[in-house]
Amino acid sequence: MAELKKTPLYDMHVKYGGNVVDFGGWALSVHFPTGIINEHKTTRERAGLFDVSHMGEFRVKGKDPLGFIQKCVVNDIGKGVIGQCIYSPLCYPSGGAVDDLITYRLGEKEWLIVVNAANMEKDWAWMSDVLKGFPGTTMVNESYDTAELALQGPRAEEILQKLTQTDLKSIGYYHCRDNVTVAGSKTLVSRTGYTGEDGFEVFSAPQDAIALWEAMMTAGKPLGLIPIGLGARDTLRFEACMPLYGQELDAERTPLEAGLGRFVSFDKGDYIGREALWAQKEKGLQRKLVGIEMVGRGIPRHGYPVLDAEGKKEIGYVTTGSYCPSLERNLGCAYVPTAMAQVGQKLSVGIRGKAVEAVVVKKPFYKRVRPTKA
């Protein structure tokens, strides 16, 4: 068996007692000693620290980086100012998703693109092929030269502010700031998040990652900060109904079907997938991603069949499902025919050969309460 890739923070997984598993070829902790549910609740109530150094980072600059990225992605990144982050699916000509990613505008003609770890090589090959049509524009894969820590939760700003002179309140949601000194290290700090909570991502050189982790843990200990593994990362993003590539999004499902229509622009000119997405929009969606709640006992796991209310006919499938620690409910996301996508629609889920009653519910399941301005 091939040896697992290790992030620059691997020694921290060992030191803090992480249960290290093979995650797409990376050695990462599924949980730490306190367990997934405690990690989940701590992130919601206080703060959690995540190693996300396995993510991919591509730096784009040169003659026409904007034109190149606009050709690749379906959202309009041209509306972004320097220091802004924009989420977008990346699509095939069919409209199905290659991946979903976030673009960081760092300068007039410079962007950083952050992609999912499992899709890094596929995305690189796909975008490199598009790049051939943009002479003078360059794309550099900085994935193995970049460490990334995510500090998430209602106490995240308070913790990180102890370690930097930069006023973190000046970095708005889905914005970033380059050349921020954190605990003595030069970093890029962004405020996006994949948990449904407020929080920051700190990108650094690999050699600075351990010192940054330890500085955050020390600063955060009095405020309840703990390390968080892959298990709670998934339940947190799922409660907030943030898509996971390979489950809610894939080559067979379009952003429109996944409920991501607000990230699809039809006004910015031509791009890969536009024609197929426009045709789908004009024709009307045949299926949609919905939220479901179990009425009967059981958890709707990924891949389970969704049946009609009588449990006789298979009509769709579950993309993600879990017990949700913040809500104490068994919930799922599922693709179903559009005619059966209304909130309140009765369905059932096939669990171990039995049809278990379920109902379509509103998404997202969890929304953080934002502090009111004085």
Protein backbone atom coordinates (compact mmCIF):
# COMPACT_ATOMS: atom_id res chain seq x y z
CA MET A 1 0.00 0.00 0.00
CA ALA A 2 1.27 3.45 -0.89
CA GLU A 3 2.47 5.54 2.01
CA LEU A 4 -0.01 8.20 3.09
CA LYS A 5 0.79 11.85 2.43
CA LYS A 6 1.33 13.89 5.57
CA THR A 7 0.45 17.54 6.03
CA PRO A 8 2.94 19.91 7.68
CA LEU A 9 0.79 19.51 10.83
CA TYR A 10 0.98 15.71 11.01
CA ASP A 11 3.00 15.82 14.24
CA MET A 12 0.18 17.82 15.85
CA HIS A 13 -2.30 15.06 15.01
CA VAL A 14 -0.01 12.65 16.87
CA LYS A 15 0.71 15.00 19.79
CA TYR A 16 -2.96 15.81 20.39
CA GLY A 17 -4.09 12.19 20.20
CA GLY A 18 -5.81 12.20 16.84
CA ASN A 19 -7.31 9.00 15.47
CA VAL A 20 -5.44 9.15 12.15
CA VAL A 21 -7.05 7.54 9.09
CA ASP A 22 -6.52 7.37 5.33
CA PHE A 23 -8.50 10.29 3.92
CA GLY A 24 -8.09 10.28 0.15
CA GLY A 25 -4.42 9.32 0.53
CA TRP A 26 -3.76 11.81 3.37
CA ALA A 27 -3.03 10.91 6.99
CA LEU A 28 -5.62 12.99 8.87
CA SER A 29 -7.52 12.62 12.16
CA VAL A 30 -11.16 11.58 12.00
CA HIS A 31 -11.44 12.73 15.62
CA PHE A 32 -9.39 13.60 18.70
CA PRO A 33 -9.80 12.08 22.20
CA THR A 34 -12.95 14.02 23.17
CA GLY A 35 -14.90 12.57 20.22
CA ILE A 36 -16.91 13.84 17.26
CA ILE A 37 -20.00 15.07 19.10
CA ASN A 38 -17.99 17.07 21.63
CA GLU A 39 -15.81 18.53 18.86
CA HIS A 40 -18.94 19.50 16.93
CA LYS A 41 -20.60 21.19 19.92
CA THR A 42 -17.38 22.94 20.98
CA THR A 43 -17.02 24.48 17.51
CA ARG A 44 -20.63 25.68 17.64
CA GLU A 45 -20.32 27.07 21.19
CA ARG A 46 -16.67 28.16 21.48
CA ALA A 47 -14.03 27.37 18.84
CA GLY A 48 -12.32 24.54 16.98
CA LEU A 49 -8.99 24.30 15.15
CA PHE A 50 -8.78 22.31 11.91
CA ASP A 51 -5.85 21.14 9.79
CA VAL A 52 -6.95 21.70 6.19
CA SER A 53 -3.47 21.74 4.69
CA HIS A 54 -4.47 18.97 2.27
CA MET A 55 -6.53 21.46 0.23
CA GLY A 56 -5.15 22.55 -3.15
CA GLU A 57 -3.95 26.08 -3.98
CA PHE A 58 -3.32 27.41 -7.50
CA ARG A 59 -1.91 30.92 -8.02
CA VAL A 60 -2.97 32.62 -11.25
CA LYS A 61 -1.45 35.82 -12.66
CA GLY A 62 -0.02 37.35 -15.82
CA LYS A 63 -1.68 38.81 -18.90
CA ASP A 64 -5.34 37.82 -18.45
CA PRO A 65 -5.97 35.85 -15.24
CA LEU A 66 -9.52 37.20 -14.96
CA GLY A 67 -10.47 36.07 -18.47
CA PHE A 68 -8.99 32.63 -17.82
CA ILE A 69 -10.80 32.06 -14.51
CA GLN A 70 -14.06 33.45 -15.91
CA LYS A 71 -13.83 30.87 -18.70
CA CYS A 72 -13.37 28.07 -16.16
CA VAL A 73 -15.96 28.87 -13.48
CA VAL A 74 -19.72 29.48 -13.62
CA ASN A 75 -19.93 32.34 -11.10
CA ASP A 76 -18.96 35.90 -12.06
CA ILE A 77 -15.65 36.56 -10.32
CA GLY A 78 -15.25 39.81 -12.25
CA LYS A 79 -17.46 41.48 -9.65
CA GLY A 80 -14.87 40.77 -6.95
CA VAL A 81 -12.63 43.56 -5.67
CA ILE A 82 -9.11 43.05 -4.33
CA GLY A 83 -9.40 41.20 -1.04
CA GLN A 84 -12.66 39.47 -1.95
CA CYS A 85 -13.31 35.72 -2.03
CA ILE A 86 -15.90 34.24 -4.38
CA TYR A 87 -17.29 30.70 -4.30
CA SER A 88 -18.01 28.95 -7.58
CA PRO A 89 -18.62 25.54 -9.10
CA LEU A 90 -16.29 24.49 -11.93
CA CYS A 91 -18.24 22.65 -14.62
CA TYR A 92 -17.90 20.31 -17.58
CA PRO A 93 -19.55 21.27 -20.90
CA SER A 94 -22.44 19.02 -19.78
CA GLY A 95 -23.09 21.28 -16.77
CA GLY A 96 -21.99 18.58 -14.33
CA ALA A 97 -19.45 19.66 -11.73
CA VAL A 98 -15.70 19.12 -12.02
CA ASP A 99 -15.40 20.58 -8.50
CA ASP A 100 -16.38 23.56 -6.40
CA LEU A 101 -13.77 26.12 -5.33
CA ILE A 102 -13.09 29.55 -3.88
CA THR A 103 -11.22 32.31 -5.72
CA TYR A 104 -9.23 34.85 -3.69
CA ARG A 105 -8.48 38.12 -5.47
CA LEU A 106 -5.07 39.17 -4.15
CA GLY A 107 -4.19 41.92 -6.66
CA GLU A 108 -5.20 43.67 -9.84
CA LYS A 109 -4.01 40.66 -11.85
CA GLU A 110 -3.45 37.97 -9.22
CA TRP A 111 -5.76 35.31 -7.80
CA LEU A 112 -5.39 32.32 -5.50
CA ILE A 113 -7.76 29.44 -6.23
CA VAL A 114 -8.47 26.97 -3.42
CA VAL A 115 -9.76 23.56 -4.55
CA ASN A 116 -10.80 20.34 -2.85
CA ALA A 117 -7.93 18.03 -1.96
CA ALA A 118 -9.37 14.93 -3.61
CA ASN A 119 -9.85 16.83 -6.88
CA MET A 120 -6.57 18.72 -6.95
CA GLU A 121 -4.88 16.75 -9.75
CA LYS A 122 -8.10 16.55 -11.81
CA ASP A 123 -8.75 20.29 -11.41
CA TRP A 124 -5.14 21.11 -12.28
CA ALA A 125 -5.33 19.04 -15.49
CA TRP A 126 -8.72 20.49 -16.45
CA MET A 127 -7.74 24.12 -15.84
CA SER A 128 -4.30 23.66 -17.43
CA ASP A 129 -6.04 22.59 -20.62
CA VAL A 130 -8.20 25.74 -20.58
CA LEU A 131 -5.07 27.82 -19.86
CA LYS A 132 -3.68 26.94 -23.30
CA GLY A 133 -6.13 29.46 -24.73
CA PHE A 134 -4.69 32.28 -22.60
CA PRO A 135 -1.05 32.89 -23.61
CA GLY A 136 0.82 35.09 -21.15
CA THR A 137 -1.29 33.93 -18.20
CA THR A 138 0.36 31.57 -15.71
CA MET A 139 -0.95 29.14 -13.11
CA VAL A 140 1.34 27.71 -10.43
CA ASN A 141 0.41 24.77 -8.20
CA GLU A 142 1.38 25.85 -4.67
CA SER A 143 -0.52 23.06 -2.93
CA TYR A 144 2.53 21.31 -1.48
CA ASP A 145 4.16 24.61 -0.50
CA THR A 146 1.17 25.81 1.52
CA ALA A 147 -0.16 24.95 4.97
CA GLU A 148 -3.70 25.92 5.95
CA LEU A 149 -5.29 26.09 9.39
CA ALA A 150 -8.98 26.87 9.93
CA LEU A 151 -10.07 28.45 13.21
CA GLN A 152 -13.86 28.28 13.46
CA GLY A 153 -16.51 29.18 16.01
CA PRO A 154 -17.97 32.18 17.89
CA ARG A 155 -14.69 32.74 19.81
CA ALA A 156 -12.46 32.46 16.71
CA GLU A 157 -11.97 36.20 16.22
CA GLU A 158 -11.19 36.73 19.89
CA ILE A 159 -8.56 33.98 19.82
CA LEU A 160 -6.85 34.98 16.57
CA GLN A 161 -6.85 38.67 17.52
CA LYS A 162 -4.48 37.81 20.40
CA LEU A 163 -1.89 36.77 17.80
CA THR A 164 -1.98 39.64 15.29
CA GLN A 165 -1.88 43.42 15.13
CA THR A 166 -4.21 43.41 12.12
CA ASP A 167 -7.77 44.42 13.04
CA LEU A 168 -9.68 41.25 12.18
CA LYS A 169 -13.00 43.08 12.21
CA SER A 170 -11.76 44.85 9.07
CA ILE A 171 -11.77 41.49 7.23
CA GLY A 172 -15.40 40.95 6.22
CA TYR A 173 -17.14 37.66 5.49
CA TYR A 174 -15.78 36.14 2.26
CA HIS A 175 -12.86 38.55 2.24
CA CYS A 176 -9.14 38.03 2.76
CA ARG A 177 -5.99 39.96 3.65
CA ASP A 178 -2.50 39.05 2.45
CA ASN A 179 0.77 39.60 4.34
CA VAL A 180 -0.83 39.42 7.79
CA THR A 181 1.62 38.66 10.59
CA VAL A 182 0.17 36.00 12.88
CA ALA A 183 2.28 34.81 15.83
CA GLY A 184 5.39 36.12 14.04
CA SER A 185 4.66 34.37 10.73
CA LYS A 186 3.67 35.98 7.44
CA THR A 187 0.27 34.63 6.38
CA LEU A 188 -2.77 35.08 4.19
CA VAL A 189 -5.92 35.31 6.34
CA SER A 190 -9.42 34.79 4.96
CA ARG A 191 -12.87 34.68 6.53
CA THR A 192 -14.97 32.08 4.73
CA GLY A 193 -15.54 28.87 6.69
CA TYR A 194 -17.08 25.46 6.11
CA THR A 195 -18.89 25.00 9.40
CA GLY A 196 -21.73 27.51 9.41
CA GLU A 197 -19.88 29.52 12.06
CA ASP A 198 -17.72 32.62 11.90
CA GLY A 199 -14.06 31.83 11.46
CA PHE A 200 -10.78 32.27 9.66
CA GLU A 201 -8.42 30.38 7.40
CA VAL A 202 -4.71 31.03 7.88
CA PHE A 203 -2.42 30.11 4.96
CA SER A 204 1.30 29.93 5.68
CA ALA A 205 4.59 28.43 4.60
CA PRO A 206 4.76 24.74 5.67
CA GLN A 207 7.65 25.39 8.07
CA ASP A 208 5.53 27.91 10.02
CA ALA A 209 2.48 25.69 10.45
CA ILE A 210 3.35 23.96 13.74
CA ALA A 211 4.27 27.22 15.47
CA LEU A 212 0.98 28.74 14.28
CA TRP A 213 -1.01 25.73 15.50
CA GLU A 214 0.62 25.81 18.92
CA ALA A 215 0.20 29.59 19.23
CA MET A 216 -3.52 29.28 18.43
CA MET A 217 -3.98 26.40 20.86
CA THR A 218 -2.23 28.36 23.63
CA ALA A 219 -4.21 31.53 22.93
CA GLY A 220 -7.44 29.59 22.67
CA LYS A 221 -7.12 27.23 25.62
CA PRO A 222 -8.69 29.68 28.16
CA LEU A 223 -11.61 30.14 25.73
CA GLY A 224 -12.21 26.41 25.23
CA LEU A 225 -10.44 25.84 21.90
CA ILE A 226 -9.82 22.19 20.96
CA PRO A 227 -8.54 20.45 17.78
CA ILE A 228 -11.22 19.13 15.44
CA GLY A 229 -11.12 16.11 13.12
CA LEU A 230 -12.76 15.12 9.85
CA GLY A 231 -15.87 13.67 11.51
CA ALA A 232 -17.03 16.91 13.12
CA ARG A 233 -15.94 18.87 10.05
CA ASP A 234 -18.46 16.84 8.08
CA THR A 235 -21.34 17.08 10.57
CA LEU A 236 -20.77 20.84 10.94
CA ARG A 237 -20.80 21.53 7.19
CA PHE A 238 -23.77 19.18 6.77
CA GLU A 239 -25.92 20.98 9.37
CA ALA A 240 -25.21 24.22 7.50
CA CYS A 241 -26.07 22.42 4.19
CA MET A 242 -22.74 23.26 2.59
CA PRO A 243 -22.14 20.94 -0.38
CA LEU A 244 -19.48 18.24 -0.43
CA TYR A 245 -18.06 17.26 -3.80
CA GLY A 246 -18.73 13.59 -4.51
CA GLN A 247 -21.99 13.72 -2.57
CA GLU A 248 -24.10 16.83 -3.27
CA LEU A 249 -22.07 17.75 -6.36
CA ASP A 250 -20.51 15.50 -8.99
CA ALA A 251 -20.09 15.07 -12.74
CA GLU A 252 -23.73 13.95 -13.07
CA ARG A 253 -25.31 16.73 -10.99
CA THR A 254 -25.35 20.38 -11.96
CA PRO A 255 -25.10 23.38 -9.62
CA LEU A 256 -28.72 24.23 -10.51
CA GLU A 257 -29.96 20.82 -9.33
CA ALA A 258 -27.84 21.17 -6.19
CA GLY A 259 -29.59 24.42 -5.25
CA LEU A 260 -26.55 26.55 -6.11
CA GLY A 261 -28.22 28.65 -8.78
CA ARG A 262 -27.19 31.88 -7.05
CA PHE A 263 -23.59 30.99 -7.92
CA VAL A 264 -24.33 30.54 -11.64
CA SER A 265 -24.07 33.69 -13.76
CA PHE A 266 -25.69 33.97 -17.17
CA ASP A 267 -24.68 37.61 -17.58
CA LYS A 268 -20.88 37.46 -17.68
CA GLY A 269 -20.35 36.05 -21.15
CA ASP A 270 -19.32 32.58 -22.31
CA TYR A 271 -17.82 29.91 -20.05
CA ILE A 272 -17.57 26.13 -19.96
CA GLY A 273 -20.96 24.62 -19.15
CA ARG A 274 -23.01 27.77 -19.81
CA GLU A 275 -24.96 26.37 -22.75
CA ALA A 276 -25.98 23.20 -20.87
CA LEU A 277 -26.89 25.11 -17.71
CA TRP A 278 -28.96 27.63 -19.65
CA ALA A 279 -30.82 24.82 -21.44
CA GLN A 280 -31.53 23.14 -18.11
CA LYS A 281 -32.77 26.40 -16.62
CA GLU A 282 -35.05 27.03 -19.62
CA LYS A 283 -36.44 23.49 -19.63
CA GLY A 284 -36.93 23.36 -15.88
CA LEU A 285 -35.25 21.08 -13.37
CA GLN A 286 -36.28 17.44 -13.31
CA ARG A 287 -34.74 16.80 -9.89
CA LYS A 288 -33.64 18.85 -6.92
CA LEU A 289 -31.53 18.51 -3.82
CA VAL A 290 -33.78 18.71 -0.74
CA GLY A 291 -33.47 18.40 3.01
CA ILE A 292 -35.21 15.45 4.65
CA GLU A 293 -35.95 14.60 8.27
CA MET A 294 -36.56 11.10 9.51
CA VAL A 295 -39.95 10.59 11.11
CA GLY A 296 -39.29 6.94 11.79
CA ARG A 297 -36.19 5.61 13.53
CA GLY A 298 -32.95 5.55 11.58
CA ILE A 299 -30.28 7.71 9.98
CA PRO A 300 -30.39 8.36 6.21
CA ARG A 301 -26.84 7.47 5.16
CA HIS A 302 -25.07 8.41 1.92
CA GLY A 303 -26.30 6.26 -0.95
CA TYR A 304 -29.49 5.01 0.72
CA PRO A 305 -32.47 4.93 -1.67
CA VAL A 306 -35.28 7.47 -1.27
CA LEU A 307 -38.70 5.96 -1.85
CA ASP A 308 -42.21 7.33 -2.23
CA ALA A 309 -44.38 7.72 0.89
CA GLU A 310 -45.69 4.16 0.54
CA GLY A 311 -42.17 2.79 0.27
CA LYS A 312 -42.89 1.04 -3.02
CA LYS A 313 -41.07 3.07 -5.68
CA GLU A 314 -37.47 4.31 -5.65
CA ILE A 315 -37.43 8.00 -6.59
CA GLY A 316 -34.00 9.26 -5.56
CA TYR A 317 -31.08 8.81 -3.20
CA VAL A 318 -29.47 10.28 -0.09
CA THR A 319 -26.31 12.35 -0.66
CA THR A 320 -25.43 12.96 3.01
CA GLY A 321 -27.19 12.01 6.22
CA SER A 322 -26.36 12.13 9.89
CA TYR A 323 -27.53 12.59 13.42
CA CYS A 324 -27.13 16.35 13.89
CA PRO A 325 -25.64 17.11 17.32
CA SER A 326 -26.71 20.78 17.37
CA LEU A 327 -30.31 19.94 16.51
CA GLU A 328 -30.73 16.43 17.95
CA ARG A 329 -32.48 15.28 14.78
CA ASN A 330 -31.74 12.66 12.11
CA LEU A 331 -31.46 14.64 8.87
CA GLY A 332 -30.32 14.13 5.31
CA CYS A 333 -29.92 15.73 1.91
CA ALA A 334 -31.33 13.86 -1.06
CA TYR A 335 -32.01 14.18 -4.77
CA VAL A 336 -35.71 13.71 -5.58
CA PRO A 337 -37.97 14.58 -8.54
CA THR A 338 -38.91 18.27 -8.60
CA ALA A 339 -42.57 17.35 -8.21
CA MET A 340 -41.75 15.83 -4.81
CA ALA A 341 -39.39 18.54 -3.58
CA GLN A 342 -41.84 20.72 -1.66
CA VAL A 343 -41.38 21.21 2.08
CA GLY A 344 -43.80 18.88 3.86
CA GLN A 345 -43.73 16.21 1.14
CA LYS A 346 -43.89 12.74 2.70
CA LEU A 347 -41.26 10.25 1.58
CA SER A 348 -39.49 7.22 2.95
CA VAL A 349 -35.89 6.06 3.06
CA GLY A 350 -34.74 2.50 2.49
CA ILE A 351 -32.75 1.53 5.59
CA ARG A 352 -31.51 -2.06 5.81
CA GLY A 353 -34.32 -3.30 3.56
CA LYS A 354 -37.13 -1.41 5.30
CA ALA A 355 -38.97 1.73 4.21
CA VAL A 356 -38.69 4.27 7.04
CA GLU A 357 -40.93 7.34 7.05
CA ALA A 358 -39.38 10.75 6.28
CA VAL A 359 -40.46 14.24 5.26
CA VAL A 360 -38.97 17.07 3.15
CA VAL A 361 -37.81 19.97 5.36
CA LYS A 362 -36.33 23.41 4.79
CA LYS A 363 -32.59 23.94 4.28
CA PRO A 364 -30.20 24.92 5.75
CA PHE A 365 -30.88 22.93 8.89
CA TYR A 366 -28.65 25.17 11.01
CA LYS A 367 -28.07 28.92 10.83
CA ARG A 368 -25.87 30.70 13.34
CA VAL A 369 -27.35 33.58 15.25
CA ARG A 370 -25.37 36.68 14.26
CA PRO A 371 -24.78 39.23 17.00
CA THR A 372 -26.99 42.29 16.67
CA LYS A 373 -25.22 45.59 16.06
CA ALA A 374 -25.51 48.13 18.85
